[in-house]
Amino acid sequence: IQLQNNITLHIDRGAVIKAAPNEMKVYDIPAENA
């Protein structure tokens, strides 16, 4: 989940943001760096 400026995430009581297993391959690709 890529945040942007001026955003508040409000995770209400009983709400869970759950990370998907790596096997689903749904995470952004790491950028190249030195």
PDB file of all heavy atoms in Angstrom:
ATOM      1  N   ILE A   1       0.882  -1.165   0.000  1.00  0.00           N
ATOM      2  CA  ILE A   1       0.000   0.000   0.000  1.00  0.00           C
ATOM      3  C   ILE A   1       0.917   1.212   0.000  1.00  0.00           C
ATOM      4  O   ILE A   1       1.713   1.388   0.918  1.00  0.00           O
ATOM      5  CB  ILE A   1      -0.909   0.031   1.248  1.00  0.00           C
ATOM      6  CG1 ILE A   1      -1.819  -1.187   1.277  1.00  0.00           C
ATOM      7  CG2 ILE A   1      -1.699   1.331   1.291  1.00  0.00           C
ATOM      8  CD1 ILE A   1      -2.567  -1.347   2.598  1.00  0.00           C
ATOM      9  N   GLN A   2       0.832   2.028  -1.059  1.00  0.00           N
ATOM     10  CA  GLN A   2       1.688   3.199  -1.163  1.00  0.00           C
ATOM     11  C   GLN A   2       0.934   4.426  -0.672  1.00  0.00           C
ATOM     12  O   GLN A   2      -0.071   4.825  -1.251  1.00  0.00           O
ATOM     13  CB  GLN A   2       2.147   3.408  -2.596  1.00  0.00           C
ATOM     14  CG  GLN A   2       3.115   4.544  -2.731  1.00  0.00           C
ATOM     15  CD  GLN A   2       3.608   4.730  -4.152  1.00  0.00           C
ATOM     16  OE1 GLN A   2       3.236   4.018  -5.056  1.00  0.00           O
ATOM     17  NE2 GLN A   2       4.463   5.710  -4.334  1.00  0.00           N
ATOM     18  N   LEU A   3       1.429   5.008   0.417  1.00  0.00           N
ATOM     19  CA  LEU A   3       0.818   6.215   0.962  1.00  0.00           C
ATOM     20  C   LEU A   3       1.095   7.405   0.056  1.00  0.00           C
ATOM     21  O   LEU A   3       2.027   7.381  -0.742  1.00  0.00           O
ATOM     22  CB  LEU A   3       1.360   6.501   2.361  1.00  0.00           C
ATOM     23  CG  LEU A   3       0.999   5.495   3.444  1.00  0.00           C
ATOM     24  CD1 LEU A   3       1.651   5.891   4.762  1.00  0.00           C
ATOM     25  CD2 LEU A   3      -0.501   5.414   3.610  1.00  0.00           C
ATOM     26  N   GLN A   4       0.281   8.432   0.186  1.00  0.00           N
ATOM     27  CA  GLN A   4       0.473   9.689  -0.532  1.00  0.00           C
ATOM     28  C   GLN A   4       0.327  10.830   0.467  1.00  0.00           C
ATOM     29  O   GLN A   4      -0.115  10.622   1.595  1.00  0.00           O
ATOM     30  CB  GLN A   4      -0.540   9.799  -1.677  1.00  0.00           C
ATOM     31  CG  GLN A   4      -0.327   8.714  -2.731  1.00  0.00           C
ATOM     32  CD  GLN A   4      -1.331   8.778  -3.872  1.00  0.00           C
ATOM     33  OE1 GLN A   4      -1.920   9.809  -4.143  1.00  0.00           O
ATOM     34  NE2 GLN A   4      -1.517   7.656  -4.533  1.00  0.00           N
ATOM     35  N   ASN A   5       0.682  12.027   0.059  1.00  0.00           N
ATOM     36  CA  ASN A   5       0.633  13.192   0.944  1.00  0.00           C
ATOM     37  C   ASN A   5      -0.779  13.480   1.427  1.00  0.00           C
ATOM     38  O   ASN A   5      -1.758  13.218   0.728  1.00  0.00           O
ATOM     39  CB  ASN A   5       1.162  14.435   0.221  1.00  0.00           C
ATOM     40  CG  ASN A   5       2.633  14.326  -0.088  1.00  0.00           C
ATOM     41  OD1 ASN A   5       3.403  13.714   0.641  1.00  0.00           O
ATOM     42  ND2 ASN A   5       3.039  14.930  -1.192  1.00  0.00           N
ATOM     43  N   ASN A   6      -0.867  14.045   2.633  1.00  0.00           N
ATOM     44  CA  ASN A   6      -2.123  14.533   3.217  1.00  0.00           C
ATOM     45  C   ASN A   6      -3.156  13.431   3.462  1.00  0.00           C
ATOM     46  O   ASN A   6      -4.350  13.659   3.325  1.00  0.00           O
ATOM     47  CB  ASN A   6      -2.729  15.634   2.335  1.00  0.00           C
ATOM     48  CG  ASN A   6      -1.756  16.753   2.091  1.00  0.00           C
ATOM     49  OD1 ASN A   6      -1.175  17.288   3.026  1.00  0.00           O
ATOM     50  ND2 ASN A   6      -1.540  17.087   0.832  1.00  0.00           N
ATOM     51  N   ILE A   7      -2.696  12.255   3.828  1.00  0.00           N
ATOM     52  CA  ILE A   7      -3.567  11.102   4.034  1.00  0.00           C
ATOM     53  C   ILE A   7      -3.466  10.625   5.476  1.00  0.00           C
ATOM     54  O   ILE A   7      -2.373  10.474   6.019  1.00  0.00           O
ATOM     55  CB  ILE A   7      -3.167   9.914   3.120  1.00  0.00           C
ATOM     56  CG1 ILE A   7      -3.205  10.301   1.652  1.00  0.00           C
ATOM     57  CG2 ILE A   7      -4.010   8.681   3.402  1.00  0.00           C
ATOM     58  CD1 ILE A   7      -4.567  10.501   1.075  1.00  0.00           C
ATOM     59  N   THR A   8      -4.621  10.352   6.077  1.00  0.00           N
ATOM     60  CA  THR A   8      -4.670   9.670   7.366  1.00  0.00           C
ATOM     61  C   THR A   8      -5.389   8.348   7.148  1.00  0.00           C
ATOM     62  O   THR A   8      -6.490   8.317   6.602  1.00  0.00           O
ATOM     63  CB  THR A   8      -5.444  10.501   8.411  1.00  0.00           C
ATOM     64  OG1 THR A   8      -4.751  11.730   8.624  1.00  0.00           O
ATOM     65  CG2 THR A   8      -5.557   9.759   9.732  1.00  0.00           C
ATOM     66  N   LEU A   9      -4.742   7.248   7.509  1.00  0.00           N
ATOM     67  CA  LEU A   9      -5.407   5.947   7.497  1.00  0.00           C
ATOM     68  C   LEU A   9      -6.081   5.792   8.855  1.00  0.00           C
ATOM     69  O   LEU A   9      -5.412   5.866   9.887  1.00  0.00           O
ATOM     70  CB  LEU A   9      -4.413   4.800   7.288  1.00  0.00           C
ATOM     71  CG  LEU A   9      -3.589   4.803   6.005  1.00  0.00           C
ATOM     72  CD1 LEU A   9      -2.702   3.562   5.964  1.00  0.00           C
ATOM     73  CD2 LEU A   9      -4.462   4.886   4.779  1.00  0.00           C
ATOM     74  N   HIS A  10      -7.403   5.599   8.853  1.00  0.00           N
ATOM     75  CA  HIS A  10      -8.126   5.376  10.106  1.00  0.00           C
ATOM     76  C   HIS A  10      -8.568   3.916  10.118  1.00  0.00           C
ATOM     77  O   HIS A  10      -9.485   3.528   9.401  1.00  0.00           O
ATOM     78  CB  HIS A  10      -9.339   6.299  10.201  1.00  0.00           C
ATOM     79  CG  HIS A  10     -10.097   6.120  11.478  1.00  0.00           C
ATOM     80  ND1 HIS A  10     -10.959   7.065  11.951  1.00  0.00           N
ATOM     81  CD2 HIS A  10     -10.120   5.128  12.406  1.00  0.00           C
ATOM     82  CE1 HIS A  10     -11.495   6.651  13.086  1.00  0.00           C
ATOM     83  NE2 HIS A  10     -10.990   5.467  13.374  1.00  0.00           N
ATOM     84  N   ILE A  11      -7.897   3.126  10.941  1.00  0.00           N
ATOM     85  CA  ILE A  11      -8.179   1.697  11.062  1.00  0.00           C
ATOM     86  C   ILE A  11      -9.074   1.536  12.284  1.00  0.00           C
ATOM     87  O   ILE A  11      -8.611   1.594  13.422  1.00  0.00           O
ATOM     88  CB  ILE A  11      -6.872   0.883  11.191  1.00  0.00           C
ATOM     89  CG1 ILE A  11      -5.905   1.251  10.055  1.00  0.00           C
ATOM     90  CG2 ILE A  11      -7.169  -0.607  11.172  1.00  0.00           C
ATOM     91  CD1 ILE A  11      -4.494   0.767  10.272  1.00  0.00           C
ATOM     92  N   ASP A  12     -10.363   1.348  12.045  1.00  0.00           N
ATOM     93  CA  ASP A  12     -11.349   1.329  13.121  1.00  0.00           C
ATOM     94  C   ASP A  12     -11.239   0.058  13.959  1.00  0.00           C
ATOM     95  O   ASP A  12     -10.625  -0.933  13.544  1.00  0.00           O
ATOM     96  CB  ASP A  12     -12.754   1.454  12.532  1.00  0.00           C
ATOM     97  CG  ASP A  12     -13.732   2.118  13.488  1.00  0.00           C
ATOM     98  OD1 ASP A  12     -13.377   2.381  14.654  1.00  0.00           O
ATOM     99  OD2 ASP A  12     -14.867   2.378  13.056  1.00  0.00           O
ATOM    100  N   ARG A  13     -11.856   0.097  15.109  1.00  0.00           N
ATOM    101  CA  ARG A  13     -11.893  -1.071  16.002  1.00  0.00           C
ATOM    102  C   ARG A  13     -12.461  -2.263  15.234  1.00  0.00           C
ATOM    103  O   ARG A  13     -13.467  -2.140  14.547  1.00  0.00           O
ATOM    104  CB  ARG A  13     -12.772  -0.768  17.201  1.00  0.00           C
ATOM    105  CG  ARG A  13     -12.727  -1.842  18.281  1.00  0.00           C
ATOM    106  CD  ARG A  13     -13.517  -1.462  19.505  1.00  0.00           C
ATOM    107  NE  ARG A  13     -13.222  -0.135  20.044  1.00  0.00           N
ATOM    108  CZ  ARG A  13     -12.164   0.156  20.814  1.00  0.00           C
ATOM    109  NH1 ARG A  13     -11.297  -0.774  21.113  1.00  0.00           N
ATOM    110  NH2 ARG A  13     -11.986   1.387  21.274  1.00  0.00           N
ATOM    111  N   GLY A  14     -11.784  -3.385  15.302  1.00  0.00           N
ATOM    112  CA  GLY A  14     -12.226  -4.588  14.606  1.00  0.00           C
ATOM    113  C   GLY A  14     -11.717  -4.688  13.173  1.00  0.00           C
ATOM    114  O   GLY A  14     -11.965  -5.672  12.490  1.00  0.00           O
ATOM    115  N   ALA A  15     -10.986  -3.684  12.708  1.00  0.00           N
ATOM    116  CA  ALA A  15     -10.404  -3.710  11.361  1.00  0.00           C
ATOM    117  C   ALA A  15      -8.954  -4.192  11.452  1.00  0.00           C
ATOM    118  O   ALA A  15      -8.234  -3.838  12.378  1.00  0.00           O
ATOM    119  CB  ALA A  15     -10.460  -2.337  10.720  1.00  0.00           C
ATOM    120  N   VAL A  16      -8.563  -5.027  10.501  1.00  0.00           N
ATOM    121  CA  VAL A  16      -7.199  -5.557  10.451  1.00  0.00           C
ATOM    122  C   VAL A  16      -6.686  -5.411   9.020  1.00  0.00           C
ATOM    123  O   VAL A  16      -7.329  -5.875   8.077  1.00  0.00           O
ATOM    124  CB  VAL A  16      -7.144  -7.051  10.852  1.00  0.00           C
ATOM    125  CG1 VAL A  16      -5.724  -7.589  10.739  1.00  0.00           C
ATOM    126  CG2 VAL A  16      -7.695  -7.261  12.251  1.00  0.00           C
ATOM    127  N   ILE A  17      -5.539  -4.737   8.868  1.00  0.00           N
ATOM    128  CA  ILE A  17      -4.820  -4.751   7.590  1.00  0.00           C
ATOM    129  C   ILE A  17      -3.847  -5.912   7.715  1.00  0.00           C
ATOM    130  O   ILE A  17      -2.930  -5.883   8.540  1.00  0.00           O
ATOM    131  CB  ILE A  17      -4.075  -3.427   7.334  1.00  0.00           C
ATOM    132  CG1 ILE A  17      -5.076  -2.285   7.191  1.00  0.00           C
ATOM    133  CG2 ILE A  17      -3.199  -3.547   6.092  1.00  0.00           C
ATOM    134  CD1 ILE A  17      -4.430  -0.918   7.061  1.00  0.00           C
ATOM    135  N   LYS A  18      -4.075  -6.955   6.930  1.00  0.00           N
ATOM    136  CA  LYS A  18      -3.299  -8.194   7.054  1.00  0.00           C
ATOM    137  C   LYS A  18      -2.374  -8.371   5.854  1.00  0.00           C
ATOM    138  O   LYS A  18      -2.825  -8.357   4.714  1.00  0.00           O
ATOM    139  CB  LYS A  18      -4.225  -9.397   7.173  1.00  0.00           C
ATOM    140  CG  LYS A  18      -3.497 -10.689   7.385  1.00  0.00           C
ATOM    141  CD  LYS A  18      -4.445 -11.832   7.638  1.00  0.00           C
ATOM    142  CE  LYS A  18      -3.621 -13.090   7.835  1.00  0.00           C
ATOM    143  NZ  LYS A  18      -4.282 -14.079   8.614  1.00  0.00           N
ATOM    144  N   ALA A  19      -1.084  -8.541   6.127  1.00  0.00           N
ATOM    145  CA  ALA A  19      -0.100  -8.750   5.061  1.00  0.00           C
ATOM    146  C   ALA A  19      -0.351 -10.084   4.377  1.00  0.00           C
ATOM    147  O   ALA A  19      -0.498 -11.110   5.029  1.00  0.00           O
ATOM    148  CB  ALA A  19       1.309  -8.718   5.640  1.00  0.00           C
ATOM    149  N   ALA A  20      -0.414 -10.040   3.059  1.00  0.00           N
ATOM    150  CA  ALA A  20      -0.580 -11.259   2.263  1.00  0.00           C
ATOM    151  C   ALA A  20       0.704 -12.078   2.322  1.00  0.00           C
ATOM    152  O   ALA A  20       1.796 -11.518   2.471  1.00  0.00           O
ATOM    153  CB  ALA A  20      -0.906 -10.894   0.818  1.00  0.00           C
ATOM    154  N   PRO A  21       0.589 -13.390   2.199  1.00  0.00           N
ATOM    155  CA  PRO A  21       1.801 -14.224   2.185  1.00  0.00           C
ATOM    156  C   PRO A  21       2.686 -13.870   0.984  1.00  0.00           C
ATOM    157  O   PRO A  21       2.185 -13.498  -0.079  1.00  0.00           O
ATOM    158  CB  PRO A  21       1.271 -15.650   2.047  1.00  0.00           C
ATOM    159  CG  PRO A  21      -0.192 -15.578   2.289  1.00  0.00           C
ATOM    160  CD  PRO A  21      -0.632 -14.176   2.072  1.00  0.00           C
ATOM    161  N   ASN A  22       3.994 -13.982   1.146  1.00  0.00           N
ATOM    162  CA  ASN A  22       4.929 -13.676   0.049  1.00  0.00           C
ATOM    163  C   ASN A  22       4.629 -14.473  -1.210  1.00  0.00           C
ATOM    164  O   ASN A  22       4.855 -13.992  -2.316  1.00  0.00           O
ATOM    165  CB  ASN A  22       6.364 -13.955   0.495  1.00  0.00           C
ATOM    166  CG  ASN A  22       6.951 -12.839   1.306  1.00  0.00           C
ATOM    167  OD1 ASN A  22       6.269 -11.857   1.612  1.00  0.00           O
ATOM    168  ND2 ASN A  22       8.210 -12.961   1.666  1.00  0.00           N
ATOM    169  N   GLU A  23       4.101 -15.666  -1.047  1.00  0.00           N
ATOM    170  CA  GLU A  23       3.820 -16.522  -2.205  1.00  0.00           C
ATOM    171  C   GLU A  23       2.825 -15.881  -3.174  1.00  0.00           C
ATOM    172  O   GLU A  23       2.773 -16.231  -4.348  1.00  0.00           O
ATOM    173  CB  GLU A  23       3.266 -17.886  -1.749  1.00  0.00           C
ATOM    174  CG  GLU A  23       4.232 -18.718  -0.941  1.00  0.00           C
ATOM    175  CD  GLU A  23       4.343 -18.260   0.520  1.00  0.00           C
ATOM    176  OE1 GLU A  23       3.333 -17.903   1.148  1.00  0.00           O
ATOM    177  OE2 GLU A  23       5.486 -18.244   1.024  1.00  0.00           O
ATOM    178  N   MET A  24       2.027 -14.942  -2.695  1.00  0.00           N
ATOM    179  CA  MET A  24       1.059 -14.264  -3.567  1.00  0.00           C
ATOM    180  C   MET A  24       1.742 -13.267  -4.499  1.00  0.00           C
ATOM    181  O   MET A  24       1.147 -12.832  -5.479  1.00  0.00           O
ATOM    182  CB  MET A  24      -0.018 -13.559  -2.738  1.00  0.00           C
ATOM    183  CG  MET A  24      -0.970 -14.522  -2.054  1.00  0.00           C
ATOM    184  SD  MET A  24      -2.283 -13.664  -1.158  1.00  0.00           S
ATOM    185  CE  MET A  24      -3.329 -13.127  -2.515  1.00  0.00           C
ATOM    186  N   LYS A  25       2.993 -12.888  -4.195  1.00  0.00           N
ATOM    187  CA  LYS A  25       3.779 -11.955  -5.010  1.00  0.00           C
ATOM    188  C   LYS A  25       3.014 -10.660  -5.293  1.00  0.00           C
ATOM    189  O   LYS A  25       2.860 -10.246  -6.444  1.00  0.00           O
ATOM    190  CB  LYS A  25       4.233 -12.622  -6.306  1.00  0.00           C
ATOM    191  CG  LYS A  25       5.115 -13.834  -6.064  1.00  0.00           C
ATOM    192  CD  LYS A  25       5.776 -14.319  -7.317  1.00  0.00           C
ATOM    193  CE  LYS A  25       6.587 -15.552  -7.095  1.00  0.00           C
ATOM    194  NZ  LYS A  25       7.638 -15.487  -6.124  1.00  0.00           N
ATOM    195  N   VAL A  26       2.537 -10.007  -4.228  1.00  0.00           N
ATOM    196  CA  VAL A  26       1.744  -8.787  -4.363  1.00  0.00           C
ATOM    197  C   VAL A  26       2.415  -7.572  -3.718  1.00  0.00           C
ATOM    198  O   VAL A  26       1.776  -6.550  -3.505  1.00  0.00           O
ATOM    199  CB  VAL A  26       0.322  -8.979  -3.779  1.00  0.00           C
ATOM    200  CG1 VAL A  26      -0.475  -9.941  -4.643  1.00  0.00           C
ATOM    201  CG2 VAL A  26       0.375  -9.466  -2.341  1.00  0.00           C
ATOM    202  N   TYR A  27       3.721  -7.685  -3.465  1.00  0.00           N
ATOM    203  CA  TYR A  27       4.457  -6.562  -2.912  1.00  0.00           C
ATOM    204  C   TYR A  27       5.216  -5.874  -4.037  1.00  0.00           C
ATOM    205  O   TYR A  27       5.675  -6.519  -4.978  1.00  0.00           O
ATOM    206  CB  TYR A  27       5.402  -7.024  -1.797  1.00  0.00           C
ATOM    207  CG  TYR A  27       4.614  -7.564  -0.634  1.00  0.00           C
ATOM    208  CD1 TYR A  27       4.428  -8.929  -0.469  1.00  0.00           C
ATOM    209  CD2 TYR A  27       3.994  -6.696   0.251  1.00  0.00           C
ATOM    210  CE1 TYR A  27       3.656  -9.422   0.574  1.00  0.00           C
ATOM    211  CE2 TYR A  27       3.221  -7.179   1.296  1.00  0.00           C
ATOM    212  CZ  TYR A  27       3.051  -8.538   1.443  1.00  0.00           C
ATOM    213  OH  TYR A  27       2.274  -9.018   2.466  1.00  0.00           O
ATOM    214  N   ASP A  28       5.324  -4.547  -3.945  1.00  0.00           N
ATOM    215  CA  ASP A  28       6.017  -3.792  -4.985  1.00  0.00           C
ATOM    216  C   ASP A  28       7.438  -4.299  -5.143  1.00  0.00           C
ATOM    217  O   ASP A  28       8.078  -4.721  -4.169  1.00  0.00           O
ATOM    218  CB  ASP A  28       6.025  -2.299  -4.641  1.00  0.00           C
ATOM    219  CG  ASP A  28       4.629  -1.692  -4.696  1.00  0.00           C
ATOM    220  OD1 ASP A  28       3.729  -2.299  -5.312  1.00  0.00           O
ATOM    221  OD2 ASP A  28       4.443  -0.604  -4.132  1.00  0.00           O
ATOM    222  N   ILE A  29       7.939  -4.230  -6.347  1.00  0.00           N
ATOM    223  CA  ILE A  29       9.287  -4.704  -6.654  1.00  0.00           C
ATOM    224  C   ILE A  29      10.296  -3.714  -6.087  1.00  0.00           C
ATOM    225  O   ILE A  29      10.147  -2.505  -6.256  1.00  0.00           O
ATOM    226  CB  ILE A  29       9.469  -4.839  -8.181  1.00  0.00           C
ATOM    227  CG1 ILE A  29       8.500  -5.905  -8.715  1.00  0.00           C
ATOM    228  CG2 ILE A  29      10.903  -5.187  -8.537  1.00  0.00           C
ATOM    229  CD1 ILE A  29       8.401  -5.940 -10.213  1.00  0.00           C
ATOM    230  N   PRO A  30      11.328  -4.208  -5.413  1.00  0.00           N
ATOM    231  CA  PRO A  30      12.334  -3.297  -4.868  1.00  0.00           C
ATOM    232  C   PRO A  30      13.022  -2.515  -5.977  1.00  0.00           C
ATOM    233  O   PRO A  30      13.307  -3.054  -7.041  1.00  0.00           O
ATOM    234  CB  PRO A  30      13.339  -4.223  -4.175  1.00  0.00           C
ATOM    235  CG  PRO A  30      12.685  -5.543  -4.075  1.00  0.00           C
ATOM    236  CD  PRO A  30      11.626  -5.599  -5.127  1.00  0.00           C
ATOM    237  N   ALA A  31      13.284  -1.247  -5.738  1.00  0.00           N
ATOM    238  CA  ALA A  31      13.986  -0.417  -6.708  1.00  0.00           C
ATOM    239  C   ALA A  31      15.472  -0.765  -6.698  1.00  0.00           C
ATOM    240  O   ALA A  31      16.017  -1.185  -5.679  1.00  0.00           O
ATOM    241  CB  ALA A  31      13.801   1.058  -6.365  1.00  0.00           C
ATOM    242  N   GLU A  32      16.103  -0.592  -7.847  1.00  0.00           N
ATOM    243  CA  GLU A  32      17.553  -0.782  -7.923  1.00  0.00           C
ATOM    244  C   GLU A  32      18.222   0.310  -7.090  1.00  0.00           C
ATOM    245  O   GLU A  32      17.754   1.444  -7.041  1.00  0.00           O
ATOM    246  CB  GLU A  32      18.021  -0.661  -9.377  1.00  0.00           C
ATOM    247  CG  GLU A  32      17.565  -1.804 -10.267  1.00  0.00           C
ATOM    248  CD  GLU A  32      18.303  -3.096  -9.975  1.00  0.00           C
ATOM    249  OE1 GLU A  32      19.508  -3.056  -9.635  1.00  0.00           O
ATOM    250  OE2 GLU A  32      17.660  -4.151 -10.094  1.00  0.00           O
ATOM    251  N   ASN A  33      19.308  -0.041  -6.421  1.00  0.00           N
ATOM    252  CA  ASN A  33      20.088   0.983  -5.735  1.00  0.00           C
ATOM    253  C   ASN A  33      21.541   0.534  -5.630  1.00  0.00           C
ATOM    254  O   ASN A  33      21.857  -0.644  -5.811  1.00  0.00           O
ATOM    255  CB  ASN A  33      19.493   1.338  -4.371  1.00  0.00           C
ATOM    256  CG  ASN A  33      19.618   0.241  -3.361  1.00  0.00           C
ATOM    257  OD1 ASN A  33      20.721  -0.195  -3.054  1.00  0.00           O
ATOM    258  ND2 ASN A  33      18.507  -0.220  -2.825  1.00  0.00           N
ATOM    259  N   ALA A  34      22.401   1.487  -5.354  1.00  0.00           N
ATOM    260  CA  ALA A  34      23.845   1.246  -5.374  1.00  0.00           C
ATOM    261  C   ALA A  34      24.329   0.306  -4.277  1.00  0.00           C
ATOM    262  O   ALA A  34      25.428  -0.217  -4.358  1.00  0.00           O
ATOM    263  CB  ALA A  34      24.576   2.582  -5.255  1.00  0.00           C
TER     264      ALA A  34
END
